[in-house]
Amino acid sequence: MDRTQFSDKASQAKTKLKDVGENLSAVLKDISFNRINLEPARQTLERLKPWFSMHDRGSGFDVSAAAGNQGESNWLTQAV
């Protein structure tokens, strides 16, 4: 391998590493963004649970399941 080929390969590797770094950075931003935004929603569900229990009898809406408290995983509690 001559110097030009080596330089080309090194440049390609550098570009690929930069792309991987940018993708990883975007994923980490998404994770932290989702954690920041979903935590207040989870807390709000927990705070509203007693209110729904008192005011929403017989409607078929299961507050415990919505808050993730029946041992079942739901998307909200998994994300936080």
PDB file of N, CA and C in Angstrom:
ATOM      1  N   MET A   1       0.860  -1.172   0.000  1.00  0.00           N
ATOM      2  CA  MET A   1       0.000   0.000   0.000  1.00  0.00           C
ATOM      3  C   MET A   1       0.904   1.233   0.000  1.00  0.00           C
ATOM      4  N   ASP A   2       0.685   2.086  -0.974  1.00  0.00           N
ATOM      5  CA  ASP A   2       1.508   3.295  -1.032  1.00  0.00           C
ATOM      6  C   ASP A   2       0.908   4.396  -0.158  1.00  0.00           C
ATOM      7  N   ARG A   3       1.601   5.486  -0.108  1.00  0.00           N
ATOM      8  CA  ARG A   3       1.224   6.591   0.771  1.00  0.00           C
ATOM      9  C   ARG A   3      -0.149   7.171   0.418  1.00  0.00           C
ATOM     10  N   THR A   4      -0.480   7.273  -0.847  1.00  0.00           N
ATOM     11  CA  THR A   4      -1.765   7.836  -1.279  1.00  0.00           C
ATOM     12  C   THR A   4      -2.915   6.932  -0.854  1.00  0.00           C
ATOM     13  N   GLN A   5      -2.758   5.629  -1.063  1.00  0.00           N
ATOM     14  CA  GLN A   5      -3.797   4.691  -0.658  1.00  0.00           C
ATOM     15  C   GLN A   5      -3.994   4.726   0.855  1.00  0.00           C
ATOM     16  N   PHE A   6      -2.880   4.779   1.584  1.00  0.00           N
ATOM     17  CA  PHE A   6      -2.963   4.834   3.042  1.00  0.00           C
ATOM     18  C   PHE A   6      -3.686   6.101   3.487  1.00  0.00           C
ATOM     19  N   SER A   7      -3.363   7.213   2.856  1.00  0.00           N
ATOM     20  CA  SER A   7      -4.003   8.484   3.196  1.00  0.00           C
ATOM     21  C   SER A   7      -5.506   8.431   2.913  1.00  0.00           C
ATOM     22  N   ASP A   8      -5.879   7.828   1.773  1.00  0.00           N
ATOM     23  CA  ASP A   8      -7.304   7.691   1.437  1.00  0.00           C
ATOM     24  C   ASP A   8      -8.030   6.826   2.460  1.00  0.00           C
ATOM     25  N   LYS A   9      -7.415   5.710   2.834  1.00  0.00           N
ATOM     26  CA  LYS A   9      -8.038   4.809   3.822  1.00  0.00           C
ATOM     27  C   LYS A   9      -8.164   5.513   5.168  1.00  0.00           C
ATOM     28  N   ALA A  10      -7.139   6.247   5.567  1.00  0.00           N
ATOM     29  CA  ALA A  10      -7.181   6.977   6.840  1.00  0.00           C
ATOM     30  C   ALA A  10      -8.279   8.036   6.814  1.00  0.00           C
ATOM     31  N   SER A  11      -8.434   8.712   5.693  1.00  0.00           N
ATOM     32  CA  SER A  11      -9.471   9.730   5.559  1.00  0.00           C
ATOM     33  C   SER A  11     -10.865   9.104   5.636  1.00  0.00           C
ATOM     34  N   GLN A  12     -11.044   7.943   4.971  1.00  0.00           N
ATOM     35  CA  GLN A  12     -12.330   7.246   5.030  1.00  0.00           C
ATOM     36  C   GLN A  12     -12.652   6.798   6.458  1.00  0.00           C
ATOM     37  N   ALA A  13     -11.645   6.279   7.161  1.00  0.00           N
ATOM     38  CA  ALA A  13     -11.855   5.832   8.543  1.00  0.00           C
ATOM     39  C   ALA A  13     -12.220   7.019   9.435  1.00  0.00           C
ATOM     40  N   LYS A  14     -11.553   8.139   9.218  1.00  0.00           N
ATOM     41  CA  LYS A  14     -11.843   9.338  10.014  1.00  0.00           C
ATOM     42  C   LYS A  14     -13.289   9.794   9.787  1.00  0.00           C
ATOM     43  N   THR A  15     -13.737   9.774   8.523  1.00  0.00           N
ATOM     44  CA  THR A  15     -15.109  10.167   8.193  1.00  0.00           C
ATOM     45  C   THR A  15     -16.109   9.222   8.842  1.00  0.00           C
ATOM     46  N   LYS A  16     -15.834   7.919   8.784  1.00  0.00           N
ATOM     47  CA  LYS A  16     -16.738   6.940   9.390  1.00  0.00           C
ATOM     48  C   LYS A  16     -16.814   7.137  10.903  1.00  0.00           C
ATOM     49  N   LEU A  17     -15.671   7.373  11.544  1.00  0.00           N
ATOM     50  CA  LEU A  17     -15.669   7.606  12.996  1.00  0.00           C
ATOM     51  C   LEU A  17     -16.442   8.873  13.353  1.00  0.00           C
ATOM     52  N   LYS A  18     -16.299   9.893  12.523  1.00  0.00           N
ATOM     53  CA  LYS A  18     -17.040  11.138  12.771  1.00  0.00           C
ATOM     54  C   LYS A  18     -18.546  10.877  12.668  1.00  0.00           C
ATOM     55  N   ASP A  19     -18.960  10.106  11.644  1.00  0.00           N
ATOM     56  CA  ASP A  19     -20.379   9.773  11.474  1.00  0.00           C
ATOM     57  C   ASP A  19     -20.903   8.976  12.668  1.00  0.00           C
ATOM     58  N   VAL A  20     -20.129   8.004  13.122  1.00  0.00           N
ATOM     59  CA  VAL A  20     -20.536   7.204  14.282  1.00  0.00           C
ATOM     60  C   VAL A  20     -20.672   8.097  15.500  1.00  0.00           C
ATOM     61  N   GLY A  21     -19.727   8.992  15.709  1.00  0.00           N
ATOM     62  CA  GLY A  21     -19.794   9.918  16.839  1.00  0.00           C
ATOM     63  C   GLY A  21     -21.020  10.817  16.785  1.00  0.00           C
ATOM     64  N   GLU A  22     -21.350  11.303  15.587  1.00  0.00           N
ATOM     65  CA  GLU A  22     -22.531  12.156  15.446  1.00  0.00           C
ATOM     66  C   GLU A  22     -23.812  11.365  15.713  1.00  0.00           C
ATOM     67  N   ASN A  23     -23.863  10.131  15.213  1.00  0.00           N
ATOM     68  CA  ASN A  23     -25.038   9.287  15.456  1.00  0.00           C
ATOM     69  C   ASN A  23     -25.187   8.978  16.944  1.00  0.00           C
ATOM     70  N   LEU A  24     -24.083   8.663  17.599  1.00  0.00           N
ATOM     71  CA  LEU A  24     -24.119   8.375  19.030  1.00  0.00           C
ATOM     72  C   LEU A  24     -24.560   9.607  19.814  1.00  0.00           C
ATOM     73  N   SER A  25     -24.072  10.747  19.432  1.00  0.00           N
ATOM     74  CA  SER A  25     -24.466  11.993  20.091  1.00  0.00           C
ATOM     75  C   SER A  25     -25.960  12.237  19.939  1.00  0.00           C
ATOM     76  N   ALA A  26     -26.488  11.991  18.742  1.00  0.00           N
ATOM     77  CA  ALA A  26     -27.931  12.189  18.501  1.00  0.00           C
ATOM     78  C   ALA A  26     -28.755  11.231  19.345  1.00  0.00           C
ATOM     79  N   VAL A  27     -28.302   9.980  19.458  1.00  0.00           N
ATOM     80  CA  VAL A  27     -29.026   8.996  20.265  1.00  0.00           C
ATOM     81  C   VAL A  27     -29.019   9.411  21.726  1.00  0.00           C
ATOM     82  N   LEU A  28     -27.878   9.842  22.232  1.00  0.00           N
ATOM     83  CA  LEU A  28     -27.796  10.262  23.632  1.00  0.00           C
ATOM     84  C   LEU A  28     -28.664  11.487  23.902  1.00  0.00           C
ATOM     85  N   LYS A  29     -28.731  12.410  22.955  1.00  0.00           N
ATOM     86  CA  LYS A  29     -29.609  13.570  23.116  1.00  0.00           C
ATOM     87  C   LYS A  29     -31.066  13.134  23.164  1.00  0.00           C
ATOM     88  N   ASP A  30     -31.440  12.185  22.284  1.00  0.00           N
ATOM     89  CA  ASP A  30     -32.813  11.679  22.290  1.00  0.00           C
ATOM     90  C   ASP A  30     -33.152  11.041  23.621  1.00  0.00           C
ATOM     91  N   ILE A  31     -32.229  10.260  24.151  1.00  0.00           N
ATOM     92  CA  ILE A  31     -32.475   9.580  25.426  1.00  0.00           C
ATOM     93  C   ILE A  31     -32.673  10.609  26.534  1.00  0.00           C
ATOM     94  N   SER A  32     -31.781  11.578  26.628  1.00  0.00           N
ATOM     95  CA  SER A  32     -31.912  12.558  27.714  1.00  0.00           C
ATOM     96  C   SER A  32     -33.148  13.432  27.494  1.00  0.00           C
ATOM     97  N   PHE A  33     -33.476  13.761  26.246  1.00  0.00           N
ATOM     98  CA  PHE A  33     -34.666  14.562  25.957  1.00  0.00           C
ATOM     99  C   PHE A  33     -35.920  13.812  26.407  1.00  0.00           C
ATOM    100  N   ASN A  34     -36.004  12.530  26.096  1.00  0.00           N
ATOM    101  CA  ASN A  34     -37.176  11.744  26.473  1.00  0.00           C
ATOM    102  C   ASN A  34     -37.276  11.587  27.983  1.00  0.00           C
ATOM    103  N   ARG A  35     -36.159  11.392  28.654  1.00  0.00           N
ATOM    104  CA  ARG A  35     -36.203  11.261  30.111  1.00  0.00           C
ATOM    105  C   ARG A  35     -36.679  12.552  30.758  1.00  0.00           C
ATOM    106  N   ILE A  36     -36.206  13.661  30.262  1.00  0.00           N
ATOM    107  CA  ILE A  36     -36.594  14.951  30.829  1.00  0.00           C
ATOM    108  C   ILE A  36     -38.091  15.184  30.634  1.00  0.00           C
ATOM    109  N   ASN A  37     -38.598  14.871  29.463  1.00  0.00           N
ATOM    110  CA  ASN A  37     -39.992  15.175  29.166  1.00  0.00           C
ATOM    111  C   ASN A  37     -40.977  14.152  29.709  1.00  0.00           C
ATOM    112  N   LEU A  38     -40.578  12.907  29.880  1.00  0.00           N
ATOM    113  CA  LEU A  38     -41.514  11.894  30.353  1.00  0.00           C
ATOM    114  C   LEU A  38     -41.603  11.822  31.879  1.00  0.00           C
ATOM    115  N   GLU A  39     -40.581  12.219  32.562  1.00  0.00           N
ATOM    116  CA  GLU A  39     -40.614  12.152  34.019  1.00  0.00           C
ATOM    117  C   GLU A  39     -41.740  13.010  34.609  1.00  0.00           C
ATOM    118  N   PRO A  40     -41.932  14.254  34.170  1.00  0.00           N
ATOM    119  CA  PRO A  40     -43.067  15.015  34.701  1.00  0.00           C
ATOM    120  C   PRO A  40     -44.413  14.355  34.399  1.00  0.00           C
ATOM    121  N   ALA A  41     -44.537  13.728  33.242  1.00  0.00           N
ATOM    122  CA  ALA A  41     -45.794  13.047  32.907  1.00  0.00           C
ATOM    123  C   ALA A  41     -46.040  11.880  33.862  1.00  0.00           C
ATOM    124  N   ARG A  42     -44.997  11.119  34.163  1.00  0.00           N
ATOM    125  CA  ARG A  42     -45.135  10.001  35.101  1.00  0.00           C
ATOM    126  C   ARG A  42     -45.515  10.513  36.484  1.00  0.00           C
ATOM    127  N   GLN A  43     -44.883  11.590  36.917  1.00  0.00           N
ATOM    128  CA  GLN A  43     -45.193  12.170  38.223  1.00  0.00           C
ATOM    129  C   GLN A  43     -46.617  12.699  38.268  1.00  0.00           C
ATOM    130  N   THR A  44     -47.065  13.298  37.178  1.00  0.00           N
ATOM    131  CA  THR A  44     -48.433  13.810  37.120  1.00  0.00           C
ATOM    132  C   THR A  44     -49.434  12.675  37.231  1.00  0.00           C
ATOM    133  N   LEU A  45     -49.186  11.563  36.528  1.00  0.00           N
ATOM    134  CA  LEU A  45     -50.080  10.408  36.640  1.00  0.00           C
ATOM    135  C   LEU A  45     -50.144   9.907  38.077  1.00  0.00           C
ATOM    136  N   GLU A  46     -49.009   9.872  38.738  1.00  0.00           N
ATOM    137  CA  GLU A  46     -48.982   9.421  40.131  1.00  0.00           C
ATOM    138  C   GLU A  46     -49.790  10.366  41.028  1.00  0.00           C
ATOM    139  N   ARG A  47     -49.662  11.676  40.794  1.00  0.00           N
ATOM    140  CA  ARG A  47     -50.392  12.649  41.614  1.00  0.00           C
ATOM    141  C   ARG A  47     -51.894  12.594  41.351  1.00  0.00           C
ATOM    142  N   LEU A  48     -52.292  12.321  40.102  1.00  0.00           N
ATOM    143  CA  LEU A  48     -53.708  12.295  39.753  1.00  0.00           C
ATOM    144  C   LEU A  48     -54.391  10.972  40.093  1.00  0.00           C
ATOM    145  N   LYS A  49     -53.622   9.957  40.372  1.00  0.00           N
ATOM    146  CA  LYS A  49     -54.197   8.639  40.648  1.00  0.00           C
ATOM    147  C   LYS A  49     -55.272   8.669  41.737  1.00  0.00           C
ATOM    148  N   PRO A  50     -55.025   9.294  42.896  1.00  0.00           N
ATOM    149  CA  PRO A  50     -56.083   9.324  43.918  1.00  0.00           C
ATOM    150  C   PRO A  50     -57.333  10.080  43.459  1.00  0.00           C
ATOM    151  N   TRP A  51     -57.163  11.150  42.713  1.00  0.00           N
ATOM    152  CA  TRP A  51     -58.296  11.916  42.228  1.00  0.00           C
ATOM    153  C   TRP A  51     -59.152  11.068  41.290  1.00  0.00           C
ATOM    154  N   PHE A  52     -58.512  10.366  40.354  1.00  0.00           N
ATOM    155  CA  PHE A  52     -59.259   9.499  39.446  1.00  0.00           C
ATOM    156  C   PHE A  52     -59.948   8.378  40.211  1.00  0.00           C
ATOM    157  N   SER A  53     -59.286   7.856  41.211  1.00  0.00           N
ATOM    158  CA  SER A  53     -59.886   6.773  41.989  1.00  0.00           C
ATOM    159  C   SER A  53     -61.175   7.238  42.666  1.00  0.00           C
ATOM    160  N   MET A  54     -61.217   8.489  43.105  1.00  0.00           N
ATOM    161  CA  MET A  54     -62.404   9.015  43.770  1.00  0.00           C
ATOM    162  C   MET A  54     -63.492   9.422  42.782  1.00  0.00           C
ATOM    163  N   HIS A  55     -63.111   9.974  41.618  1.00  0.00           N
ATOM    164  CA  HIS A  55     -64.077  10.604  40.720  1.00  0.00           C
ATOM    165  C   HIS A  55     -64.431   9.806  39.466  1.00  0.00           C
ATOM    166  N   ASP A  56     -63.765   8.720  39.202  1.00  0.00           N
ATOM    167  CA  ASP A  56     -63.962   8.041  37.926  1.00  0.00           C
ATOM    168  C   ASP A  56     -64.361   6.576  38.127  1.00  0.00           C
ATOM    169  N   ARG A  57     -65.204   6.321  39.080  1.00  0.00           N
ATOM    170  CA  ARG A  57     -65.636   4.949  39.351  1.00  0.00           C
ATOM    171  C   ARG A  57     -66.585   4.456  38.256  1.00  0.00           C
ATOM    172  N   GLY A  58     -66.333   3.242  37.812  1.00  0.00           N
ATOM    173  CA  GLY A  58     -67.239   2.605  36.871  1.00  0.00           C
ATOM    174  C   GLY A  58     -67.105   3.034  35.426  1.00  0.00           C
ATOM    175  N   SER A  59     -66.116   3.850  35.091  1.00  0.00           N
ATOM    176  CA  SER A  59     -65.998   4.297  33.692  1.00  0.00           C
ATOM    177  C   SER A  59     -65.202   3.318  32.852  1.00  0.00           C
ATOM    178  N   GLY A  60     -64.529   2.381  33.489  1.00  0.00           N
ATOM    179  CA  GLY A  60     -63.715   1.427  32.742  1.00  0.00           C
ATOM    180  C   GLY A  60     -62.272   1.869  32.577  1.00  0.00           C
ATOM    181  N   PHE A  61     -61.953   3.085  33.010  1.00  0.00           N
ATOM    182  CA  PHE A  61     -60.576   3.558  32.919  1.00  0.00           C
ATOM    183  C   PHE A  61     -59.803   3.058  34.129  1.00  0.00           C
ATOM    184  N   ASP A  62     -58.757   2.287  33.901  1.00  0.00           N
ATOM    185  CA  ASP A  62     -57.980   1.708  35.000  1.00  0.00           C
ATOM    186  C   ASP A  62     -56.778   2.600  35.287  1.00  0.00           C
ATOM    187  N   VAL A  63     -56.896   3.389  36.345  1.00  0.00           N
ATOM    188  CA  VAL A  63     -55.849   4.347  36.683  1.00  0.00           C
ATOM    189  C   VAL A  63     -54.566   3.639  37.078  1.00  0.00           C
ATOM    190  N   SER A  64     -54.679   2.530  37.803  1.00  0.00           N
ATOM    191  CA  SER A  64     -53.473   1.812  38.222  1.00  0.00           C
ATOM    192  C   SER A  64     -52.686   1.326  37.016  1.00  0.00           C
ATOM    193  N   ALA A  65     -53.376   0.820  36.023  1.00  0.00           N
ATOM    194  CA  ALA A  65     -52.688   0.358  34.817  1.00  0.00           C
ATOM    195  C   ALA A  65     -52.066   1.537  34.073  1.00  0.00           C
ATOM    196  N   ALA A  66     -52.777   2.649  34.037  1.00  0.00           N
ATOM    197  CA  ALA A  66     -52.246   3.832  33.348  1.00  0.00           C
ATOM    198  C   ALA A  66     -50.990   4.340  34.026  1.00  0.00           C
ATOM    199  N   ALA A  67     -50.925   4.218  35.337  1.00  0.00           N
ATOM    200  CA  ALA A  67     -49.743   4.658  36.073  1.00  0.00           C
ATOM    201  C   ALA A  67     -48.693   3.566  36.161  1.00  0.00           C
ATOM    202  N   GLY A  68     -48.993   2.384  35.650  1.00  0.00           N
ATOM    203  CA  GLY A  68     -48.008   1.310  35.633  1.00  0.00           C
ATOM    204  C   GLY A  68     -47.847   0.614  36.962  1.00  0.00           C
ATOM    205  N   ASN A  69     -48.898   0.548  37.771  1.00  0.00           N
ATOM    206  CA  ASN A  69     -48.767   0.012  39.123  1.00  0.00           C
ATOM    207  C   ASN A  69     -49.336  -1.386  39.303  1.00  0.00           C
ATOM    208  N   GLN A  70     -49.638  -2.103  38.228  1.00  0.00           N
ATOM    209  CA  GLN A  70     -50.187  -3.437  38.385  1.00  0.00           C
ATOM    210  C   GLN A  70     -49.196  -4.516  37.974  1.00  0.00           C
ATOM    211  N   GLY A  71     -47.931  -4.200  37.971  1.00  0.00           N
ATOM    212  CA  GLY A  71     -46.934  -5.161  37.574  1.00  0.00           C
ATOM    213  C   GLY A  71     -46.793  -5.282  36.071  1.00  0.00           C
ATOM    214  N   GLU A  72     -47.657  -4.626  35.329  1.00  0.00           N
ATOM    215  CA  GLU A  72     -47.568  -4.650  33.880  1.00  0.00           C
ATOM    216  C   GLU A  72     -46.695  -3.481  33.446  1.00  0.00           C
ATOM    217  N   SER A  73     -45.881  -3.732  32.455  1.00  0.00           N
ATOM    218  CA  SER A  73     -45.064  -2.642  31.931  1.00  0.00           C
ATOM    219  C   SER A  73     -45.891  -1.849  30.945  1.00  0.00           C
ATOM    220  N   ASN A  74     -45.766  -0.550  31.003  1.00  0.00           N
ATOM    221  CA  ASN A  74     -46.371   0.258  29.949  1.00  0.00           C
ATOM    222  C   ASN A  74     -45.310   1.195  29.401  1.00  0.00           C
ATOM    223  N   TRP A  75     -45.577   1.802  28.280  1.00  0.00           N
ATOM    224  CA  TRP A  75     -44.562   2.599  27.592  1.00  0.00           C
ATOM    225  C   TRP A  75     -44.077   3.770  28.429  1.00  0.00           C
ATOM    226  N   LEU A  76     -44.944   4.322  29.260  1.00  0.00           N
ATOM    227  CA  LEU A  76     -44.546   5.496  30.032  1.00  0.00           C
ATOM    228  C   LEU A  76     -43.569   5.135  31.132  1.00  0.00           C
ATOM    229  N   THR A  77     -43.859   4.084  31.884  1.00  0.00           N
ATOM    230  CA  THR A  77     -42.965   3.731  32.981  1.00  0.00           C
ATOM    231  C   THR A  77     -41.694   3.086  32.475  1.00  0.00           C
ATOM    232  N   GLN A  78     -41.710   2.459  31.305  1.00  0.00           N
ATOM    233  CA  GLN A  78     -40.491   1.892  30.746  1.00  0.00           C
ATOM    234  C   GLN A  78     -39.549   2.992  30.292  1.00  0.00           C
ATOM    235  N   ALA A  79     -40.078   4.077  29.817  1.00  0.00           N
ATOM    236  CA  ALA A  79     -39.250   5.133  29.246  1.00  0.00           C
ATOM    237  C   ALA A  79     -38.544   5.958  30.302  1.00  0.00           C
ATOM    238  N   VAL A  80     -39.036   5.969  31.533  1.00  0.00           N
ATOM    239  CA  VAL A  80     -38.421   6.804  32.570  1.00  0.00           C
ATOM    240  C   VAL A  80     -37.648   6.018  33.568  1.00  0.00           C
TER     241      VAL A  80
END
